[in-house]
Amino acid sequence: MQLDSTSGSQQAPLSDAMVDAMTALAAPVCVGLDPVVDRLPQDLRQRKPEAAIASFCEGVLDSVAGIVPIVKFQSACFERYGAPGVEVLTQMVAAAHQRDLLVILDAKRGDIGISAEHYAHAAFDLMQADWITANAYLGLDGIEPFLTAGQGCFALVRTSNKSAAEFQESKLDNGMTIAQRLAVCVAQWGAGYVGRCGFSTLGAVVGATCPESAISLRQLMPQQLFLVPGYGAQGGSAETVRHCFNEHGQGAIVTASRSVIYAQAQQGQSWREAVAQEARRFASEIGSIAGLQ
C-alpha cells in the first residue's frame, strides 16, 4: 500500500491513502507491534530474540490483515538487538506492505538539518515505512525533512504517558498550554501538505488518556490526523477517544498494542486466533464510535 516517494512521482499525499484505507475497512485503527521477548508465546521464547520477534510479528500481521488498515512498529523493540534487530524491522515493514497494511514507524526522532534528513532517509528509503513519529520540540527544522521526503509524519503534541502533563499542560502567558501552542504550529507547518481528503501528511500524536485536551486540540488542528495511543492497556477507552474525531467521524487513528498483540487465548484457541479476535473487537468498537459501522 506504500506510495512511490520519489520526488515528483508520488501521485497523492499519504494522508489520502490513510483515510481511504480506514474508510474501506470502516476501521480507524492501528495495531502497534511492540514485541517483548518475555511476553511472547512460550513456543517462540526458545529461539534467538530476533528470530522470535520476527516469527511473532509475522503471526500478528497475518492475524490483523484485512481487519485493520495500519500497523505501527515500535522501533526501540527492534533496535535493542542491534543490526539483526533492525534487519528484522525492515523485513517486517516489507511483510506488512505485502499484506496491504500501511506502516507507521514509531521512532520519535528529534533532530535538525542533515541529521533529520538522515533519519528520514533511513525510515522512508531504507526501511520503506509510510509514516514516522517525531518530536516537535526543535520546531519546524526538526519536522520539515520528514515532510519534504514525501511521506507522512506524526508530531508529538499531547502524549499519553503519566508525566506528560507536567510539561505539556503548563500554561503560557497567553493562557494556552504548551500542547495547544504546539498544536497551532503543527497546523501551520502542515497546511501546505493537505490532500483531497482534507488532512495533511503532518499529523499529531494526541493521547487517548487526555480527552479534555483532545477537544481543544481538534479545534486547533482541523486538518491533522491524530495518532491516538493509550487505548487499552494504558487506560484509554472508546469514550475517551471520541473527541479526537471531527464531526464527520474522521481524523483519528486509534492505536492499540499490548491489548491486541498479547490477547489471551481461550481454551482451544491459538494465540494468532486470539489476536485476530481482539483486533476485530477493537476495530468494531472504534468504528462504531466514529460512526463508520
Protein backbone atom coordinates (compact mmCIF):
# COMPACT_ATOMS: atom_id res chain seq x y z
CA MET A 1 0.00 0.00 0.00
CA GLN A 2 3.06 2.23 0.07
CA LEU A 3 3.12 5.03 -2.49
CA ASP A 4 6.14 5.95 -4.59
CA SER A 5 8.03 8.57 -2.60
CA THR A 6 10.47 9.53 -5.32
CA SER A 7 10.40 13.29 -5.92
CA GLY A 8 7.70 14.22 -8.40
CA SER A 9 6.32 10.69 -8.73
CA GLN A 10 4.03 10.45 -5.72
CA GLN A 11 0.50 10.64 -7.04
CA ALA A 12 -1.25 11.69 -3.85
CA PRO A 13 -0.37 12.61 -0.27
CA LEU A 14 -0.21 9.66 2.08
CA SER A 15 -2.96 11.24 4.16
CA ASP A 16 -5.33 10.32 1.33
CA ALA A 17 -4.13 6.72 1.35
CA MET A 18 -4.53 6.60 5.13
CA VAL A 19 -8.10 7.93 5.09
CA ASP A 20 -9.07 5.70 2.16
CA ALA A 21 -7.71 2.60 3.92
CA MET A 22 -9.57 3.35 7.15
CA THR A 23 -12.79 4.07 5.28
CA ALA A 24 -12.54 0.88 3.22
CA LEU A 25 -12.41 -1.29 6.35
CA ALA A 26 -14.64 1.02 8.44
CA ALA A 27 -11.85 0.81 10.99
CA PRO A 28 -9.99 4.00 12.02
CA VAL A 29 -7.49 1.96 13.99
CA CYS A 30 -3.90 0.82 14.09
CA VAL A 31 -2.29 -2.17 15.79
CA GLY A 32 1.06 -1.48 17.38
CA LEU A 33 3.78 -4.12 17.29
CA ASP A 34 5.85 -3.69 20.45
CA PRO A 35 7.38 -7.17 20.77
CA VAL A 36 8.99 -8.03 24.10
CA VAL A 37 10.56 -11.48 24.19
CA ASP A 38 9.43 -12.29 27.75
CA ARG A 39 5.81 -11.72 26.73
CA LEU A 40 5.84 -13.78 23.54
CA PRO A 41 4.04 -17.13 23.27
CA GLN A 42 6.01 -19.84 25.08
CA ASP A 43 6.91 -21.75 21.92
CA LEU A 44 8.69 -18.69 20.49
CA ARG A 45 10.78 -17.83 23.55
CA GLN A 46 13.18 -20.70 22.94
CA ARG A 47 14.51 -19.08 19.78
CA LYS A 48 17.07 -16.32 19.37
CA PRO A 49 15.41 -12.95 20.18
CA GLU A 50 15.50 -11.67 16.59
CA ALA A 51 14.02 -14.91 15.24
CA ALA A 52 11.35 -14.99 17.96
CA ILE A 53 10.33 -11.41 17.27
CA ALA A 54 10.23 -11.97 13.52
CA SER A 55 8.00 -15.03 13.86
CA PHE A 56 5.71 -13.28 16.33
CA CYS A 57 5.33 -10.14 14.21
CA GLU A 58 4.60 -12.17 11.11
CA GLY A 59 1.92 -14.04 13.01
CA VAL A 60 0.36 -10.78 14.20
CA LEU A 61 0.43 -9.36 10.68
CA ASP A 62 -1.33 -12.44 9.33
CA SER A 63 -3.91 -12.16 12.11
CA VAL A 64 -4.79 -8.47 11.65
CA ALA A 65 -4.53 -8.11 7.86
CA GLY A 66 -7.92 -7.32 6.39
CA ILE A 67 -9.25 -6.31 9.82
CA VAL A 68 -7.20 -3.18 10.47
CA PRO A 69 -5.63 -0.93 7.81
CA ILE A 70 -2.50 0.20 9.64
CA VAL A 71 0.26 -1.21 11.83
CA LYS A 72 2.80 0.67 13.92
CA PHE A 73 6.24 -0.75 14.68
CA GLN A 74 7.92 0.42 17.89
CA SER A 75 11.46 0.85 16.62
CA ALA A 76 13.07 0.52 20.06
CA CYS A 77 11.87 -3.07 20.41
CA PHE A 78 13.95 -3.97 17.35
CA GLU A 79 16.87 -1.57 17.72
CA ARG A 80 17.81 -3.04 21.10
CA TYR A 81 19.10 -6.11 19.24
CA GLY A 82 21.44 -4.09 17.03
CA ALA A 83 21.86 -4.74 13.31
CA PRO A 84 19.97 -8.08 13.37
CA GLY A 85 17.02 -6.37 15.05
CA VAL A 86 16.97 -3.53 12.54
CA GLU A 87 17.10 -6.10 9.74
CA VAL A 88 14.06 -7.84 11.22
CA LEU A 89 12.26 -4.48 11.44
CA THR A 90 12.96 -3.80 7.77
CA GLN A 91 11.72 -7.28 6.84
CA MET A 92 8.54 -6.82 8.86
CA VAL A 93 7.78 -3.47 7.21
CA ALA A 94 8.01 -5.26 3.86
CA ALA A 95 5.84 -8.09 5.19
CA ALA A 96 3.21 -5.58 6.30
CA HIS A 97 3.12 -3.97 2.86
CA GLN A 98 2.75 -7.41 1.27
CA ARG A 99 -0.42 -7.75 3.34
CA ASP A 100 -1.73 -4.34 2.19
CA LEU A 101 -1.10 -2.69 5.54
CA LEU A 102 0.14 0.89 5.87
CA VAL A 103 3.12 1.25 8.18
CA ILE A 104 3.95 3.81 10.86
CA LEU A 105 7.48 3.69 12.25
CA ASP A 106 7.21 4.74 15.88
CA ALA A 107 10.75 6.07 16.29
CA LYS A 108 10.08 9.51 17.81
CA ARG A 109 13.01 11.07 16.01
CA GLY A 110 14.08 14.57 17.06
CA ASP A 111 16.93 16.41 15.38
CA ILE A 112 17.55 19.11 12.76
CA GLY A 113 19.28 19.68 9.46
CA ILE A 114 21.32 16.89 7.93
CA SER A 115 20.68 14.65 10.97
CA ALA A 116 16.92 14.82 10.43
CA GLU A 117 17.47 14.19 6.72
CA HIS A 118 19.45 11.07 7.57
CA TYR A 119 16.63 9.87 9.83
CA ALA A 120 14.11 10.48 7.04
CA HIS A 121 16.27 8.58 4.55
CA ALA A 122 16.61 5.62 6.93
CA ALA A 123 12.88 5.48 7.70
CA PHE A 124 11.49 6.03 4.24
CA ASP A 125 14.10 4.95 1.70
CA LEU A 126 15.75 2.08 3.56
CA MET A 127 13.02 0.73 5.86
CA GLN A 128 10.25 1.82 3.47
CA ALA A 129 7.90 3.00 6.22
CA ASP A 130 4.98 5.19 5.20
CA TRP A 131 4.85 7.42 8.30
CA ILE A 132 7.12 8.21 11.22
CA THR A 133 6.64 9.79 14.64
CA ALA A 134 8.85 12.76 15.55
CA ASN A 135 9.48 15.10 18.45
CA ALA A 136 8.45 18.66 17.56
CA TYR A 137 10.37 20.36 20.39
CA LEU A 138 13.04 21.64 17.96
CA GLY A 139 10.47 23.38 15.79
CA LEU A 140 9.91 23.19 12.05
CA ASP A 141 13.59 22.44 11.43
CA GLY A 142 13.10 19.05 13.03
CA ILE A 143 9.88 18.23 11.17
CA GLU A 144 10.29 19.55 7.64
CA PRO A 145 12.82 16.92 6.43
CA PHE A 146 10.21 14.22 7.02
CA LEU A 147 7.57 16.12 5.07
CA THR A 148 9.79 17.04 2.12
CA ALA A 149 10.77 13.37 1.86
CA GLY A 150 7.23 12.85 0.55
CA GLN A 151 5.91 10.57 3.28
CA GLY A 152 3.99 11.27 6.49
CA CYS A 153 4.94 12.42 9.98
CA PHE A 154 3.12 12.50 13.31
CA ALA A 155 4.44 15.22 15.61
CA LEU A 156 4.20 14.61 19.35
CA VAL A 157 1.70 17.15 20.72
CA ARG A 158 -0.11 15.69 23.76
CA THR A 159 1.18 12.28 24.74
CA SER A 160 -0.49 9.58 26.80
CA ASN A 161 2.22 8.89 29.40
CA LYS A 162 1.54 9.70 33.05
CA SER A 163 4.05 12.54 33.43
CA ALA A 164 3.16 14.27 30.14
CA ALA A 165 1.01 16.90 31.84
CA GLU A 166 3.95 18.24 33.87
CA PHE A 167 5.24 19.92 30.74
CA GLN A 168 2.57 19.71 28.06
CA GLU A 169 -0.24 21.17 30.19
CA SER A 170 1.85 24.03 31.59
CA LYS A 171 0.30 27.42 30.85
CA LEU A 172 1.94 30.19 28.82
CA ASP A 173 1.38 33.89 29.46
CA ASN A 174 -1.37 33.97 26.83
CA GLY A 175 -3.32 31.27 28.67
CA MET A 176 -2.59 28.50 26.17
CA THR A 177 -0.98 25.28 27.28
CA ILE A 178 2.31 24.26 25.70
CA ALA A 179 0.46 21.49 23.88
CA GLN A 180 -2.04 23.99 22.47
CA ARG A 181 0.74 26.33 21.32
CA LEU A 182 2.46 23.43 19.61
CA ALA A 183 -0.84 22.47 18.01
CA VAL A 184 -1.07 25.91 16.41
CA CYS A 185 2.43 25.43 14.99
CA VAL A 186 1.69 21.94 13.67
CA ALA A 187 -1.45 23.23 11.93
CA GLN A 188 0.61 25.96 10.26
CA TRP A 189 3.50 23.69 9.31
CA GLY A 190 1.19 21.10 7.77
CA ALA A 191 -1.01 23.49 5.80
CA GLY A 192 0.94 23.01 2.58
CA TYR A 193 0.66 19.23 2.65
CA VAL A 194 -3.12 18.72 2.64
CA GLY A 195 -4.64 16.11 0.35
CA ARG A 196 -8.08 15.80 -1.23
CA CYS A 197 -9.29 14.14 1.98
CA GLY A 198 -8.79 17.44 3.82
CA PHE A 199 -5.99 16.12 6.02
CA SER A 200 -2.29 16.87 6.00
CA THR A 201 0.65 14.48 5.88
CA LEU A 202 1.75 16.21 9.07
CA GLY A 203 -0.37 14.65 11.77
CA ALA A 204 -0.27 14.85 15.56
CA VAL A 205 0.10 12.38 18.40
CA VAL A 206 -2.74 13.03 20.87
CA GLY A 207 -3.16 10.51 23.67
CA ALA A 208 -6.35 8.63 24.48
CA THR A 209 -5.80 9.35 28.18
CA CYS A 210 -6.40 13.11 27.87
CA PRO A 211 -9.92 13.60 26.43
CA GLU A 212 -10.24 17.15 27.80
CA SER A 213 -7.18 18.25 25.86
CA ALA A 214 -8.38 16.48 22.72
CA ILE A 215 -11.37 18.81 22.39
CA SER A 216 -9.29 21.96 22.13
CA LEU A 217 -6.56 20.28 20.09
CA ARG A 218 -9.07 19.09 17.48
CA GLN A 219 -10.33 22.67 17.15
CA LEU A 220 -6.77 23.97 16.72
CA MET A 221 -5.77 21.24 14.26
CA PRO A 222 -8.75 20.56 11.99
CA GLN A 223 -6.53 19.27 9.15
CA GLN A 224 -4.36 16.96 11.23
CA LEU A 225 -4.79 13.22 11.50
CA PHE A 226 -4.50 12.33 15.18
CA LEU A 227 -2.50 9.25 16.06
CA VAL A 228 -4.13 8.27 19.35
CA PRO A 229 -2.12 5.98 21.66
CA GLY A 230 -3.13 4.94 25.14
CA TYR A 231 -6.19 2.83 24.32
CA GLY A 232 -6.46 -0.43 26.22
CA ALA A 233 -3.52 -1.25 28.47
CA GLN A 234 -2.81 2.43 29.27
CA GLY A 235 -6.38 3.11 30.35
CA GLY A 236 -7.87 4.82 27.31
CA SER A 237 -11.31 3.68 26.14
CA ALA A 238 -13.61 4.17 23.20
CA GLU A 239 -15.30 7.02 25.06
CA THR A 240 -12.05 8.85 25.81
CA VAL A 241 -11.06 8.88 22.12
CA ARG A 242 -14.41 10.18 20.85
CA HIS A 243 -13.28 13.82 20.81
CA CYS A 244 -10.24 13.04 18.68
CA PHE A 245 -12.56 12.57 15.70
CA ASN A 246 -14.14 15.50 13.91
CA GLU A 247 -17.87 15.93 13.45
CA HIS A 248 -17.77 13.62 10.42
CA GLY A 249 -16.15 10.76 12.31
CA GLN A 250 -12.82 11.31 10.63
CA GLY A 251 -9.35 12.46 11.55
CA ALA A 252 -8.26 9.97 14.20
CA ILE A 253 -6.30 6.73 14.15
CA VAL A 254 -6.71 4.95 17.47
CA THR A 255 -3.82 2.63 18.20
CA ALA A 256 -3.69 -0.39 20.49
CA SER A 257 -0.65 -2.54 21.09
CA ARG A 258 -0.48 -4.78 24.17
CA SER A 259 -4.24 -5.29 24.45
CA VAL A 260 -4.30 -6.77 20.93
CA ILE A 261 -0.97 -8.48 20.34
CA TYR A 262 -0.92 -10.16 23.76
CA ALA A 263 -4.61 -11.09 23.76
CA GLN A 264 -5.25 -14.11 25.97
CA ALA A 265 -6.21 -17.22 24.05
CA GLN A 266 -9.26 -19.11 25.22
CA GLN A 267 -9.31 -22.90 25.52
CA GLY A 268 -8.79 -24.47 22.11
CA GLN A 269 -7.78 -21.18 20.56
CA SER A 270 -4.31 -20.35 19.18
CA TRP A 271 -2.60 -17.09 20.09
CA ARG A 272 -2.99 -15.96 16.48
CA GLU A 273 -6.74 -16.53 16.64
CA ALA A 274 -6.88 -14.59 19.90
CA VAL A 275 -5.06 -11.66 18.27
CA ALA A 276 -7.48 -11.68 15.33
CA GLN A 277 -10.49 -11.83 17.65
CA GLU A 278 -9.29 -8.89 19.73
CA ALA A 279 -8.39 -6.92 16.58
CA ARG A 280 -11.96 -7.41 15.31
CA ARG A 281 -13.43 -6.29 18.61
CA PHE A 282 -11.13 -3.26 18.71
CA ALA A 283 -11.89 -2.26 15.10
CA SER A 284 -15.62 -2.69 15.63
CA GLU A 285 -15.70 -0.66 18.83
CA ILE A 286 -13.75 2.29 17.43
CA GLY A 287 -15.51 2.08 14.08
CA SER A 288 -18.84 2.38 15.88
CA ILE A 289 -17.64 5.38 17.93
CA ALA A 290 -16.61 7.09 14.69
CA GLY A 291 -19.96 6.27 13.07
CA LEU A 292 -18.38 4.07 10.38
CA GLN A 293 -20.07 0.84 11.48
